[in-house]
Amino acid sequence: MELIKIYQGNLINARDLHEFLGSKKDFSSWIKARINRYQFVENEDYTIAHPNGGASWGGSNKVDYILTINMAKELAMVENTDKGREARRYFIEAEKTLNQLRENKRLETFFKLEATKKRLLKNVENIGGSHQDYVQIDFAGRMVLFNGDPMPDEKLPLALLKGRDFATELTNEFIKDGERTLIDAEDLNKQHHQKVRGMVVKSMKKTPEELNPEDDIKKLE
């Protein structure tokens, strides 16, 4: 049962939380007091959305405070009421569900990458290469992606698993006709992983090596 609307899996409109908690304070005074007292940080714990400026959260025409689920849990806890405790338990369960979905998606993407790598092995063998040649070609791409210190595929976060799969699949497309050399294959794989590296930096504002490793995916099988 949905007690409080959760957007994108982990974002909460503070107005919805305020209404659920049944606070007698007006919304603006309540949220500003909580932010000041507990030192929440804008653009880290919450963001401010202006519906008239193009943002739209829950149909509100006023300024909205969009909370992370962690901030929402804290606000529910400090309310120190039955409603607050109910909201906090609700957010905890929502977090558990989200984490399970993320891990399932990671596992699915990991298996997809493994299948793509198997096709790369076959394509390398098709142009006269050995298993060791495949290992070298794959490793060369990983080295470029991580600027010399590759993270094991088993520990890649979801975004990097998708990136590795995309780069490797591009290499497959270029060499599957059997007309490329092993040197071509390695160069192409490096180029494609460099392209993915650039995409990660542009979209996430971090380099791949700055992203934290996840739990070993093989332990989730």
N, C-alpha and C. Protein backbone atom coordinates (compact mmCIF):
# COMPACT_ATOMS: atom_id res chain seq x y z
N MET A 1 0.84 -1.20 0.00
CA MET A 1 0.00 0.00 0.00
C MET A 1 0.88 1.25 0.00
N GLU A 2 0.56 2.19 -0.85
CA GLU A 2 1.34 3.42 -0.97
C GLU A 2 0.85 4.45 0.04
N LEU A 3 1.63 4.66 1.10
CA LEU A 3 1.27 5.65 2.11
C LEU A 3 1.62 7.06 1.64
N ILE A 4 2.80 7.18 1.03
CA ILE A 4 3.32 8.46 0.58
C ILE A 4 3.94 8.24 -0.80
N LYS A 5 3.63 9.09 -1.74
CA LYS A 5 4.14 8.94 -3.10
C LYS A 5 5.66 9.03 -3.11
N ILE A 6 6.30 8.04 -3.76
CA ILE A 6 7.76 8.05 -3.92
C ILE A 6 8.04 8.16 -5.41
N TYR A 7 8.80 9.18 -5.79
CA TYR A 7 9.11 9.45 -7.19
C TYR A 7 10.47 8.86 -7.55
N GLN A 8 10.54 8.24 -8.72
CA GLN A 8 11.81 7.72 -9.25
C GLN A 8 12.47 6.75 -8.28
N GLY A 9 11.69 6.15 -7.41
CA GLY A 9 12.22 5.13 -6.52
C GLY A 9 12.80 5.64 -5.23
N ASN A 10 13.20 6.93 -5.17
CA ASN A 10 13.88 7.39 -3.95
C ASN A 10 13.71 8.87 -3.65
N LEU A 11 12.71 9.51 -4.22
CA LEU A 11 12.48 10.93 -3.98
C LEU A 11 11.07 11.16 -3.46
N ILE A 12 10.96 12.07 -2.49
CA ILE A 12 9.67 12.33 -1.85
C ILE A 12 9.40 13.82 -1.85
N ASN A 13 8.19 14.21 -2.21
CA ASN A 13 7.78 15.60 -2.10
C ASN A 13 7.49 15.88 -0.63
N ALA A 14 8.18 16.86 -0.05
CA ALA A 14 8.02 17.16 1.37
C ALA A 14 6.58 17.51 1.73
N ARG A 15 5.83 18.06 0.79
CA ARG A 15 4.43 18.39 1.05
C ARG A 15 3.62 17.13 1.35
N ASP A 16 3.92 16.06 0.60
CA ASP A 16 3.21 14.80 0.83
C ASP A 16 3.53 14.25 2.21
N LEU A 17 4.80 14.34 2.60
CA LEU A 17 5.20 13.86 3.93
C LEU A 17 4.54 14.70 5.01
N HIS A 18 4.57 16.01 4.84
CA HIS A 18 3.97 16.93 5.81
C HIS A 18 2.48 16.62 6.00
N GLU A 19 1.80 16.37 4.91
CA GLU A 19 0.37 16.06 4.99
C GLU A 19 0.14 14.74 5.72
N PHE A 20 0.96 13.73 5.41
CA PHE A 20 0.79 12.42 6.05
C PHE A 20 1.05 12.51 7.55
N LEU A 21 2.07 13.27 7.93
CA LEU A 21 2.42 13.38 9.35
C LEU A 21 1.36 14.14 10.15
N GLY A 22 0.55 14.93 9.46
CA GLY A 22 -0.51 15.66 10.14
C GLY A 22 0.01 16.79 11.01
N SER A 23 1.13 17.37 10.63
CA SER A 23 1.70 18.47 11.40
C SER A 23 0.75 19.67 11.41
N LYS A 24 0.66 20.33 12.57
CA LYS A 24 -0.21 21.49 12.70
C LYS A 24 0.46 22.77 12.21
N LYS A 25 1.78 22.70 11.99
CA LYS A 25 2.50 23.87 11.47
C LYS A 25 2.25 23.99 9.97
N ASP A 26 2.23 25.24 9.48
CA ASP A 26 2.10 25.39 8.03
C ASP A 26 3.35 24.83 7.36
N PHE A 27 3.17 24.37 6.13
CA PHE A 27 4.24 23.62 5.46
C PHE A 27 5.54 24.40 5.38
N SER A 28 5.49 25.64 4.93
CA SER A 28 6.70 26.42 4.71
C SER A 28 7.51 26.57 6.00
N SER A 29 6.82 26.89 7.10
CA SER A 29 7.52 27.05 8.38
C SER A 29 8.09 25.72 8.85
N TRP A 30 7.34 24.66 8.66
CA TRP A 30 7.76 23.33 9.11
C TRP A 30 9.03 22.88 8.40
N ILE A 31 9.04 22.94 7.07
CA ILE A 31 10.19 22.42 6.33
C ILE A 31 11.43 23.29 6.55
N LYS A 32 11.26 24.60 6.60
CA LYS A 32 12.41 25.48 6.81
C LYS A 32 13.01 25.29 8.20
N ALA A 33 12.16 25.11 9.19
CA ALA A 33 12.65 24.89 10.56
C ALA A 33 13.40 23.57 10.65
N ARG A 34 12.89 22.54 10.01
CA ARG A 34 13.55 21.23 10.05
C ARG A 34 14.91 21.29 9.34
N ILE A 35 14.95 21.98 8.21
CA ILE A 35 16.21 22.10 7.47
C ILE A 35 17.26 22.83 8.31
N ASN A 36 16.86 23.91 8.93
CA ASN A 36 17.81 24.69 9.74
C ASN A 36 18.25 23.93 10.98
N ARG A 37 17.32 23.32 11.66
CA ARG A 37 17.65 22.65 12.92
C ARG A 37 18.55 21.44 12.71
N TYR A 38 18.28 20.66 11.67
CA TYR A 38 19.03 19.42 11.45
C TYR A 38 20.09 19.55 10.36
N GLN A 39 20.30 20.77 9.90
CA GLN A 39 21.40 21.10 8.99
C GLN A 39 21.41 20.25 7.72
N PHE A 40 20.25 20.10 7.12
CA PHE A 40 20.17 19.42 5.83
C PHE A 40 20.77 20.32 4.75
N VAL A 41 21.36 19.71 3.74
CA VAL A 41 22.12 20.44 2.73
C VAL A 41 21.37 20.41 1.39
N GLU A 42 21.15 21.60 0.83
CA GLU A 42 20.48 21.68 -0.47
C GLU A 42 21.34 21.04 -1.55
N ASN A 43 20.68 20.36 -2.47
CA ASN A 43 21.32 19.64 -3.59
C ASN A 43 22.09 18.41 -3.13
N GLU A 44 21.97 18.09 -1.85
CA GLU A 44 22.55 16.85 -1.34
C GLU A 44 21.45 16.04 -0.64
N ASP A 45 20.77 16.67 0.30
CA ASP A 45 19.65 16.02 0.99
C ASP A 45 18.31 16.36 0.35
N TYR A 46 18.25 17.48 -0.31
CA TYR A 46 16.99 17.91 -0.93
C TYR A 46 17.28 18.88 -2.06
N THR A 47 16.31 19.04 -2.93
CA THR A 47 16.38 20.07 -3.97
C THR A 47 15.08 20.88 -3.92
N ILE A 48 15.15 22.09 -4.41
CA ILE A 48 13.98 22.96 -4.47
C ILE A 48 13.49 23.00 -5.91
N ALA A 49 12.22 22.70 -6.09
CA ALA A 49 11.63 22.69 -7.43
C ALA A 49 10.60 23.81 -7.53
N HIS A 50 10.64 24.52 -8.64
CA HIS A 50 9.69 25.61 -8.90
C HIS A 50 8.79 25.18 -10.05
N PRO A 51 7.60 24.70 -9.75
CA PRO A 51 6.70 24.21 -10.81
C PRO A 51 6.49 25.20 -11.94
N ASN A 52 6.42 26.48 -11.62
CA ASN A 52 6.20 27.48 -12.67
C ASN A 52 7.41 27.62 -13.59
N GLY A 53 8.55 27.10 -13.11
CA GLY A 53 9.76 27.17 -13.93
C GLY A 53 9.99 25.92 -14.73
N GLY A 54 9.02 24.99 -14.68
CA GLY A 54 9.13 23.80 -15.51
C GLY A 54 9.14 22.51 -14.73
N ALA A 55 9.48 22.56 -13.41
CA ALA A 55 9.47 21.33 -12.61
C ALA A 55 8.03 21.05 -12.18
N SER A 56 7.70 19.79 -12.04
CA SER A 56 6.35 19.42 -11.63
C SER A 56 6.41 18.21 -10.73
N TRP A 57 6.03 18.37 -9.50
CA TRP A 57 6.06 17.26 -8.54
C TRP A 57 4.70 17.20 -7.85
N GLY A 58 3.93 16.22 -8.19
CA GLY A 58 2.66 16.00 -7.52
C GLY A 58 1.61 17.06 -7.80
N GLY A 59 1.81 17.86 -8.81
CA GLY A 59 0.80 18.82 -9.21
C GLY A 59 0.76 20.10 -8.39
N SER A 60 1.72 20.31 -7.49
CA SER A 60 1.72 21.51 -6.65
C SER A 60 2.09 22.74 -7.47
N ASN A 61 1.41 23.87 -7.16
CA ASN A 61 1.72 25.13 -7.84
C ASN A 61 2.65 26.00 -7.01
N LYS A 62 3.11 25.52 -5.88
CA LYS A 62 3.99 26.28 -5.00
C LYS A 62 5.40 25.71 -5.07
N VAL A 63 6.30 26.34 -4.32
CA VAL A 63 7.67 25.82 -4.27
C VAL A 63 7.66 24.47 -3.57
N ASP A 64 8.29 23.49 -4.18
CA ASP A 64 8.34 22.14 -3.62
C ASP A 64 9.75 21.83 -3.14
N TYR A 65 9.81 21.09 -2.06
CA TYR A 65 11.08 20.58 -1.55
C TYR A 65 11.09 19.08 -1.84
N ILE A 66 12.03 18.66 -2.67
CA ILE A 66 12.12 17.26 -3.06
C ILE A 66 13.20 16.59 -2.23
N LEU A 67 12.80 15.64 -1.40
CA LEU A 67 13.69 15.04 -0.42
C LEU A 67 14.25 13.72 -0.90
N THR A 68 15.49 13.44 -0.50
CA THR A 68 15.99 12.08 -0.65
C THR A 68 15.26 11.20 0.36
N ILE A 69 15.27 9.92 0.12
CA ILE A 69 14.56 9.03 1.04
C ILE A 69 15.23 9.03 2.41
N ASN A 70 16.55 9.26 2.45
CA ASN A 70 17.24 9.34 3.74
C ASN A 70 16.77 10.54 4.55
N MET A 71 16.64 11.69 3.90
CA MET A 71 16.15 12.87 4.61
C MET A 71 14.72 12.66 5.06
N ALA A 72 13.90 12.05 4.22
CA ALA A 72 12.51 11.79 4.58
C ALA A 72 12.43 10.89 5.81
N LYS A 73 13.30 9.89 5.88
CA LYS A 73 13.34 9.01 7.06
C LYS A 73 13.67 9.80 8.32
N GLU A 74 14.65 10.69 8.21
CA GLU A 74 15.05 11.49 9.37
C GLU A 74 13.92 12.41 9.82
N LEU A 75 13.27 13.06 8.86
CA LEU A 75 12.16 13.95 9.22
C LEU A 75 11.04 13.18 9.89
N ALA A 76 10.77 11.99 9.40
CA ALA A 76 9.72 11.16 10.01
C ALA A 76 10.11 10.77 11.43
N MET A 77 11.38 10.44 11.61
CA MET A 77 11.86 9.99 12.93
C MET A 77 11.78 11.11 13.97
N VAL A 78 12.24 12.32 13.60
CA VAL A 78 12.29 13.41 14.57
C VAL A 78 10.89 13.94 14.90
N GLU A 79 9.90 13.57 14.11
CA GLU A 79 8.53 13.98 14.42
C GLU A 79 8.07 13.35 15.73
N ASN A 80 8.60 12.14 16.01
CA ASN A 80 8.36 11.44 17.28
C ASN A 80 6.86 11.24 17.56
N THR A 81 6.17 10.79 16.52
CA THR A 81 4.75 10.47 16.65
C THR A 81 4.52 9.11 16.02
N ASP A 82 3.33 8.55 16.26
CA ASP A 82 3.01 7.27 15.64
C ASP A 82 3.04 7.39 14.12
N LYS A 83 2.53 8.50 13.59
CA LYS A 83 2.56 8.72 12.15
C LYS A 83 4.00 8.81 11.64
N GLY A 84 4.84 9.46 12.40
CA GLY A 84 6.25 9.58 12.02
C GLY A 84 6.93 8.23 11.97
N ARG A 85 6.66 7.41 12.99
CA ARG A 85 7.27 6.07 13.01
C ARG A 85 6.73 5.21 11.87
N GLU A 86 5.45 5.36 11.57
CA GLU A 86 4.86 4.61 10.46
C GLU A 86 5.51 5.02 9.14
N ALA A 87 5.70 6.31 8.95
CA ALA A 87 6.33 6.80 7.71
C ALA A 87 7.76 6.30 7.60
N ARG A 88 8.49 6.33 8.71
CA ARG A 88 9.88 5.88 8.69
C ARG A 88 9.96 4.41 8.31
N ARG A 89 9.11 3.57 8.89
CA ARG A 89 9.11 2.14 8.54
C ARG A 89 8.76 1.95 7.07
N TYR A 90 7.85 2.75 6.58
CA TYR A 90 7.44 2.69 5.17
C TYR A 90 8.62 3.00 4.25
N PHE A 91 9.39 4.04 4.59
CA PHE A 91 10.54 4.42 3.77
C PHE A 91 11.64 3.35 3.83
N ILE A 92 11.82 2.75 4.98
CA ILE A 92 12.83 1.69 5.12
C ILE A 92 12.47 0.51 4.22
N GLU A 93 11.20 0.11 4.22
CA GLU A 93 10.78 -0.99 3.36
C GLU A 93 10.90 -0.63 1.89
N ALA A 94 10.59 0.63 1.56
CA ALA A 94 10.73 1.08 0.17
C ALA A 94 12.18 1.01 -0.27
N GLU A 95 13.10 1.38 0.62
CA GLU A 95 14.53 1.31 0.31
C GLU A 95 14.96 -0.13 0.06
N LYS A 96 14.49 -1.04 0.89
CA LYS A 96 14.84 -2.45 0.72
C LYS A 96 14.38 -2.96 -0.64
N THR A 97 13.16 -2.61 -1.00
CA THR A 97 12.62 -3.04 -2.29
C THR A 97 13.43 -2.46 -3.44
N LEU A 98 13.78 -1.18 -3.33
CA LEU A 98 14.57 -0.53 -4.38
C LEU A 98 15.94 -1.19 -4.52
N ASN A 99 16.57 -1.49 -3.40
CA ASN A 99 17.89 -2.13 -3.44
C ASN A 99 17.82 -3.51 -4.08
N GLN A 100 16.75 -4.25 -3.77
CA GLN A 100 16.58 -5.57 -4.37
C GLN A 100 16.40 -5.46 -5.88
N LEU A 101 15.62 -4.48 -6.32
CA LEU A 101 15.42 -4.27 -7.75
C LEU A 101 16.72 -3.90 -8.44
N ARG A 102 17.51 -3.05 -7.78
CA ARG A 102 18.79 -2.65 -8.35
C ARG A 102 19.72 -3.84 -8.49
N GLU A 103 19.77 -4.68 -7.48
CA GLU A 103 20.65 -5.84 -7.54
C GLU A 103 20.20 -6.82 -8.61
N ASN A 104 18.87 -7.00 -8.74
CA ASN A 104 18.36 -7.87 -9.79
C ASN A 104 18.73 -7.33 -11.17
N LYS A 105 18.66 -6.01 -11.33
CA LYS A 105 19.01 -5.40 -12.60
C LYS A 105 20.51 -5.55 -12.86
N ARG A 106 21.31 -5.40 -11.82
CA ARG A 106 22.76 -5.60 -11.96
C ARG A 106 23.06 -7.02 -12.42
N LEU A 107 22.40 -7.98 -11.79
CA LEU A 107 22.64 -9.38 -12.13
C LEU A 107 22.26 -9.65 -13.58
N GLU A 108 21.11 -9.14 -13.99
CA GLU A 108 20.66 -9.31 -15.37
C GLU A 108 21.66 -8.69 -16.35
N THR A 109 22.14 -7.49 -16.03
CA THR A 109 23.08 -6.80 -16.92
C THR A 109 24.44 -7.49 -16.93
N PHE A 110 24.84 -8.05 -15.79
CA PHE A 110 26.10 -8.78 -15.73
C PHE A 110 26.05 -9.99 -16.67
N PHE A 111 24.96 -10.74 -16.63
CA PHE A 111 24.83 -11.90 -17.51
C PHE A 111 24.82 -11.48 -18.98
N LYS A 112 24.22 -10.33 -19.26
CA LYS A 112 24.22 -9.82 -20.64
C LYS A 112 25.64 -9.50 -21.08
N LEU A 113 26.42 -8.87 -20.20
CA LEU A 113 27.82 -8.58 -20.51
C LEU A 113 28.61 -9.86 -20.74
N GLU A 114 28.38 -10.87 -19.91
CA GLU A 114 29.09 -12.14 -20.07
C GLU A 114 28.78 -12.76 -21.44
N ALA A 115 27.53 -12.68 -21.87
CA ALA A 115 27.16 -13.21 -23.19
C ALA A 115 27.83 -12.41 -24.30
N THR A 116 27.91 -11.10 -24.14
CA THR A 116 28.57 -10.24 -25.13
C THR A 116 30.06 -10.56 -25.21
N LYS A 117 30.67 -10.84 -24.06
CA LYS A 117 32.09 -11.20 -24.03
C LYS A 117 32.33 -12.56 -24.70
N LYS A 118 31.39 -13.47 -24.55
CA LYS A 118 31.53 -14.77 -25.22
C LYS A 118 31.49 -14.59 -26.74
N ARG A 119 30.65 -13.68 -27.20
CA ARG A 119 30.62 -13.40 -28.64
C ARG A 119 31.93 -12.76 -29.09
N LEU A 120 32.51 -11.93 -28.24
CA LEU A 120 33.80 -11.33 -28.57
C LEU A 120 34.86 -12.42 -28.70
N LEU A 121 34.85 -13.39 -27.80
CA LEU A 121 35.80 -14.50 -27.89
C LEU A 121 35.66 -15.23 -29.22
N LYS A 122 34.42 -15.53 -29.61
CA LYS A 122 34.20 -16.23 -30.88
C LYS A 122 34.66 -15.39 -32.07
N ASN A 123 34.39 -14.10 -32.01
CA ASN A 123 34.82 -13.22 -33.10
C ASN A 123 36.33 -13.11 -33.18
N VAL A 124 36.99 -13.10 -32.03
CA VAL A 124 38.46 -13.06 -32.00
C VAL A 124 39.02 -14.36 -32.59
N GLU A 125 38.43 -15.47 -32.21
CA GLU A 125 38.88 -16.76 -32.75
C GLU A 125 38.64 -16.82 -34.25
N ASN A 126 37.57 -16.17 -34.71
CA ASN A 126 37.24 -16.18 -36.13
C ASN A 126 38.25 -15.42 -36.98
N ILE A 127 39.00 -14.49 -36.35
CA ILE A 127 40.03 -13.76 -37.10
C ILE A 127 41.43 -14.29 -36.78
N GLY A 128 41.45 -15.53 -36.26
CA GLY A 128 42.74 -16.20 -36.05
C GLY A 128 43.35 -16.03 -34.68
N GLY A 129 42.60 -15.48 -33.75
CA GLY A 129 43.13 -15.26 -32.41
C GLY A 129 42.88 -16.43 -31.47
N SER A 130 43.55 -16.38 -30.34
CA SER A 130 43.41 -17.41 -29.31
C SER A 130 42.62 -16.84 -28.12
N HIS A 131 42.39 -17.70 -27.15
CA HIS A 131 41.72 -17.23 -25.93
C HIS A 131 42.56 -16.15 -25.25
N GLN A 132 43.86 -16.31 -25.28
CA GLN A 132 44.75 -15.31 -24.68
C GLN A 132 44.66 -13.97 -25.42
N ASP A 133 44.49 -14.04 -26.74
CA ASP A 133 44.31 -12.81 -27.51
C ASP A 133 43.02 -12.10 -27.10
N TYR A 134 41.97 -12.89 -26.91
CA TYR A 134 40.70 -12.32 -26.44
C TYR A 134 40.87 -11.64 -25.09
N VAL A 135 41.56 -12.32 -24.17
CA VAL A 135 41.79 -11.76 -22.83
C VAL A 135 42.51 -10.42 -22.94
N GLN A 136 43.53 -10.38 -23.82
CA GLN A 136 44.30 -9.15 -24.00
C GLN A 136 43.44 -8.02 -24.58
N ILE A 137 42.61 -8.35 -25.57
CA ILE A 137 41.76 -7.35 -26.21
C ILE A 137 40.74 -6.80 -25.20
N ASP A 138 40.14 -7.71 -24.45
CA ASP A 138 39.16 -7.29 -23.44
C ASP A 138 39.82 -6.45 -22.35
N PHE A 139 40.99 -6.88 -21.89
CA PHE A 139 41.70 -6.17 -20.83
C PHE A 139 42.14 -4.78 -21.29
N ALA A 140 42.53 -4.68 -22.55
CA ALA A 140 42.95 -3.38 -23.09
C ALA A 140 41.81 -2.37 -23.01
N GLY A 141 40.59 -2.83 -23.31
CA GLY A 141 39.43 -1.95 -23.21
C GLY A 141 39.16 -1.54 -21.77
N ARG A 142 39.26 -2.49 -20.86
CA ARG A 142 39.03 -2.20 -19.44
C ARG A 142 40.07 -1.22 -18.91
N MET A 143 41.30 -1.35 -19.36
CA MET A 143 42.36 -0.45 -18.92
C MET A 143 42.04 0.99 -19.33
N VAL A 144 41.54 1.15 -20.54
CA VAL A 144 41.19 2.49 -21.03
C VAL A 144 40.01 3.05 -20.24
N LEU A 145 39.00 2.22 -20.02
CA LEU A 145 37.80 2.67 -19.31
C LEU A 145 38.14 3.21 -17.92
N PHE A 146 39.09 2.54 -17.26
CA PHE A 146 39.44 2.92 -15.88
C PHE A 146 40.78 3.65 -15.77
N ASN A 147 41.30 4.08 -16.91
CA ASN A 147 42.55 4.84 -16.90
C ASN A 147 43.68 4.09 -16.21
N GLY A 148 43.75 2.77 -16.47
CA GLY A 148 44.90 2.00 -16.02
C GLY A 148 44.69 1.14 -14.80
N ASP A 149 43.55 1.26 -14.11
CA ASP A 149 43.33 0.46 -12.90
C ASP A 149 41.92 -0.12 -12.92
N PRO A 150 41.69 -1.14 -13.76
CA PRO A 150 40.33 -1.63 -13.97
C PRO A 150 39.71 -2.29 -12.75
N MET A 151 38.41 -2.09 -12.61
CA MET A 151 37.61 -2.73 -11.58
C MET A 151 37.09 -4.05 -12.14
N PRO A 152 37.08 -5.12 -11.34
CA PRO A 152 36.53 -6.40 -11.84
C PRO A 152 35.08 -6.24 -12.28
N ASP A 153 34.72 -6.92 -13.35
CA ASP A 153 33.34 -6.84 -13.84
C ASP A 153 32.33 -7.21 -12.76
N GLU A 154 32.70 -8.15 -11.90
CA GLU A 154 31.80 -8.63 -10.86
C GLU A 154 31.43 -7.55 -9.85
N LYS A 155 32.23 -6.49 -9.79
CA LYS A 155 31.98 -5.43 -8.80
C LYS A 155 31.54 -4.11 -9.44
N LEU A 156 31.30 -4.13 -10.73
CA LEU A 156 30.90 -2.90 -11.42
C LEU A 156 29.51 -2.46 -11.00
N PRO A 157 29.31 -1.16 -10.77
CA PRO A 157 27.94 -0.66 -10.60
C PRO A 157 27.18 -0.79 -11.91
N LEU A 158 25.87 -0.68 -11.83
CA LEU A 158 25.01 -0.93 -12.99
C LEU A 158 25.40 -0.09 -14.20
N ALA A 159 25.67 1.19 -14.00
CA ALA A 159 26.00 2.08 -15.12
C ALA A 159 27.23 1.61 -15.87
N LEU A 160 28.24 1.13 -15.14
CA LEU A 160 29.47 0.68 -15.79
C LEU A 160 29.30 -0.70 -16.43
N LEU A 161 28.45 -1.54 -15.86
CA LEU A 161 28.14 -2.81 -16.52
C LEU A 161 27.50 -2.55 -17.88
N LYS A 162 26.57 -1.60 -17.91
CA LYS A 162 25.92 -1.25 -19.18
C LYS A 162 26.94 -0.67 -20.16
N GLY A 163 27.83 0.17 -19.63
CA GLY A 163 28.85 0.78 -20.48
C GLY A 163 29.80 -0.25 -21.07
N ARG A 164 30.24 -1.18 -20.24
CA ARG A 164 31.14 -2.25 -20.72
C ARG A 164 30.45 -3.08 -21.79
N ASP A 165 29.19 -3.40 -21.55
CA ASP A 165 28.45 -4.20 -22.52
C ASP A 165 28.31 -3.45 -23.84
N PHE A 166 28.02 -2.17 -23.77
CA PHE A 166 27.86 -1.35 -24.97
C PHE A 166 29.17 -1.28 -25.76
N ALA A 167 30.27 -1.01 -25.06
CA ALA A 167 31.57 -0.90 -25.74
C ALA A 167 31.97 -2.23 -26.38
N THR A 168 31.78 -3.32 -25.65
CA THR A 168 32.16 -4.64 -26.17
C THR A 168 31.29 -5.04 -27.36
N GLU A 169 30.01 -4.70 -27.29
CA GLU A 169 29.11 -5.01 -28.41
C GLU A 169 29.49 -4.22 -29.65
N LEU A 170 29.91 -2.97 -29.47
CA LEU A 170 30.39 -2.19 -30.61
C LEU A 170 31.58 -2.87 -31.27
N THR A 171 32.50 -3.35 -30.45
CA THR A 171 33.67 -4.05 -31.00
C THR A 171 33.24 -5.28 -31.78
N ASN A 172 32.28 -6.02 -31.23
CA ASN A 172 31.76 -7.20 -31.94
C ASN A 172 31.23 -6.82 -33.31
N GLU A 173 30.49 -5.73 -33.38
CA GLU A 173 29.90 -5.32 -34.65
C GLU A 173 30.96 -5.01 -35.71
N PHE A 174 32.09 -4.46 -35.26
CA PHE A 174 33.13 -4.07 -36.20
C PHE A 174 34.00 -5.25 -36.66
N ILE A 175 34.07 -6.31 -35.87
CA ILE A 175 34.99 -7.41 -36.24
C ILE A 175 34.27 -8.70 -36.63
N LYS A 176 32.94 -8.72 -36.54
CA LYS A 176 32.24 -9.98 -36.76
C LYS A 176 32.31 -10.46 -38.20
N ASP A 177 32.63 -9.55 -39.15
CA ASP A 177 32.71 -9.99 -40.54
C ASP A 177 33.99 -10.75 -40.84
N GLY A 178 34.90 -10.81 -39.86
CA GLY A 178 36.13 -11.59 -40.01
C GLY A 178 37.21 -10.93 -40.84
N GLU A 179 37.04 -9.65 -41.17
CA GLU A 179 38.00 -8.98 -42.05
C GLU A 179 38.98 -8.09 -41.30
N ARG A 180 38.87 -8.03 -39.99
CA ARG A 180 39.77 -7.20 -39.19
C ARG A 180 40.92 -8.05 -38.64
N THR A 181 42.00 -7.39 -38.26
CA THR A 181 43.13 -8.08 -37.63
C THR A 181 42.99 -8.01 -36.12
N LEU A 182 43.82 -8.76 -35.42
CA LEU A 182 43.81 -8.72 -33.96
C LEU A 182 44.19 -7.33 -33.45
N ILE A 183 45.11 -6.69 -34.15
CA ILE A 183 45.50 -5.32 -33.77
C ILE A 183 44.32 -4.38 -33.93
N ASP A 184 43.57 -4.55 -35.05
CA ASP A 184 42.37 -3.74 -35.26
C ASP A 184 41.38 -3.94 -34.11
N ALA A 185 41.19 -5.21 -33.73
CA ALA A 185 40.22 -5.53 -32.68
C ALA A 185 40.59 -4.86 -31.37
N GLU A 186 41.86 -4.90 -31.01
CA GLU A 186 42.29 -4.27 -29.76
C GLU A 186 42.13 -2.75 -29.83
N ASP A 187 42.52 -2.17 -30.95
CA ASP A 187 42.39 -0.72 -31.10
C ASP A 187 40.93 -0.28 -31.04
N LEU A 188 40.07 -1.04 -31.71
CA LEU A 188 38.64 -0.71 -31.70
C LEU A 188 38.06 -0.82 -30.30
N ASN A 189 38.44 -1.87 -29.59
CA ASN A 189 37.90 -2.06 -28.24
C ASN A 189 38.35 -0.94 -27.31
N LYS A 190 39.57 -0.49 -27.49
CA LYS A 190 40.07 0.64 -26.69
C LYS A 190 39.30 1.92 -27.04
N GLN A 191 39.06 2.13 -28.33
CA GLN A 191 38.31 3.32 -28.75
C GLN A 191 36.89 3.32 -28.18
N HIS A 192 36.25 2.16 -28.23
CA HIS A 192 34.87 2.08 -27.76
C HIS A 192 34.78 2.26 -26.25
N HIS A 193 35.76 1.73 -25.53
CA HIS A 193 35.76 1.94 -24.07
C HIS A 193 36.11 3.38 -23.72
N GLN A 194 36.93 4.02 -24.56
CA GLN A 194 37.22 5.44 -24.35
C GLN A 194 35.96 6.27 -24.55
N LYS A 195 35.16 5.88 -25.54
CA LYS A 195 33.90 6.58 -25.80
C LYS A 195 32.97 6.46 -24.60
N VAL A 196 32.88 5.25 -24.04
CA VAL A 196 32.03 5.04 -22.87
C VAL A 196 32.55 5.84 -21.68
N ARG A 197 33.86 5.88 -21.52
CA ARG A 197 34.45 6.66 -20.43
C ARG A 197 34.01 8.13 -20.53
N GLY A 198 34.05 8.66 -21.74
CA GLY A 198 33.63 10.04 -21.95
C GLY A 198 32.16 10.24 -21.61
N MET A 199 31.33 9.27 -21.96
CA MET A 199 29.90 9.35 -21.66
C MET A 199 29.66 9.34 -20.16
N VAL A 200 30.40 8.50 -19.44
CA VAL A 200 30.26 8.43 -17.98
C VAL A 200 30.64 9.75 -17.34
N VAL A 201 31.78 10.29 -17.75
CA VAL A 201 32.25 11.56 -17.19
C VAL A 201 31.24 12.68 -17.46
N LYS A 202 30.70 12.70 -18.66
CA LYS A 202 29.76 13.76 -19.04
C LYS A 202 28.45 13.66 -18.26
N SER A 203 27.94 12.45 -18.11
CA SER A 203 26.61 12.29 -17.50
C SER A 203 26.66 12.19 -15.98
N MET A 204 27.74 11.63 -15.43
CA MET A 204 27.80 11.40 -13.99
C MET A 204 28.75 12.35 -13.26
N LYS A 205 29.49 13.15 -14.04
CA LYS A 205 30.44 14.12 -13.46
C LYS A 205 31.51 13.44 -12.61
N LYS A 206 31.77 12.19 -12.89
CA LYS A 206 32.82 11.42 -12.23
C LYS A 206 33.47 10.51 -13.25
N THR A 207 34.74 10.19 -13.03
CA THR A 207 35.39 9.20 -13.87
C THR A 207 35.00 7.81 -13.38
N PRO A 208 35.07 6.79 -14.24
CA PRO A 208 34.71 5.44 -13.80
C PRO A 208 35.46 4.99 -12.55
N GLU A 209 36.75 5.34 -12.46
CA GLU A 209 37.54 4.90 -11.29
C GLU A 209 37.12 5.62 -10.01
N GLU A 210 36.36 6.70 -10.13
CA GLU A 210 35.88 7.40 -8.94
C GLU A 210 34.58 6.81 -8.40
N LEU A 211 33.95 5.94 -9.17
CA LEU A 211 32.72 5.29 -8.72
C LEU A 211 33.05 4.14 -7.78
N ASN A 212 32.26 3.99 -6.74
CA ASN A 212 32.52 2.94 -5.76
C ASN A 212 32.12 1.58 -6.31
N PRO A 213 32.93 0.54 -6.03
CA PRO A 213 32.54 -0.81 -6.44
C PRO A 213 31.33 -1.28 -5.65
N GLU A 214 30.55 -2.15 -6.28
CA GLU A 214 29.39 -2.75 -5.61
C GLU A 214 29.80 -4.10 -5.03
N ASP A 215 28.85 -4.75 -4.33
CA ASP A 215 29.11 -6.10 -3.84
C ASP A 215 29.34 -7.03 -5.01
N ASP A 216 30.16 -8.05 -4.79
CA ASP A 216 30.47 -9.03 -5.83
C ASP A 216 29.18 -9.62 -6.37
N ILE A 217 28.92 -9.42 -7.66
CA ILE A 217 27.66 -9.84 -8.27
C ILE A 217 27.49 -11.35 -8.21
N LYS A 218 28.58 -12.11 -8.20
CA LYS A 218 28.48 -13.57 -8.19
C LYS A 218 27.91 -14.09 -6.88
N LYS A 219 28.00 -13.29 -5.84
CA LYS A 219 27.42 -13.69 -4.56
C LYS A 219 25.92 -13.50 -4.54
N LEU A 220 25.39 -12.84 -5.56
CA LEU A 220 23.95 -12.59 -5.64
C LEU A 220 23.24 -13.61 -6.50
N GLU A 221 24.01 -14.46 -7.18
CA GLU A 221 23.39 -15.44 -8.09
C GLU A 221 22.55 -16.45 -7.32
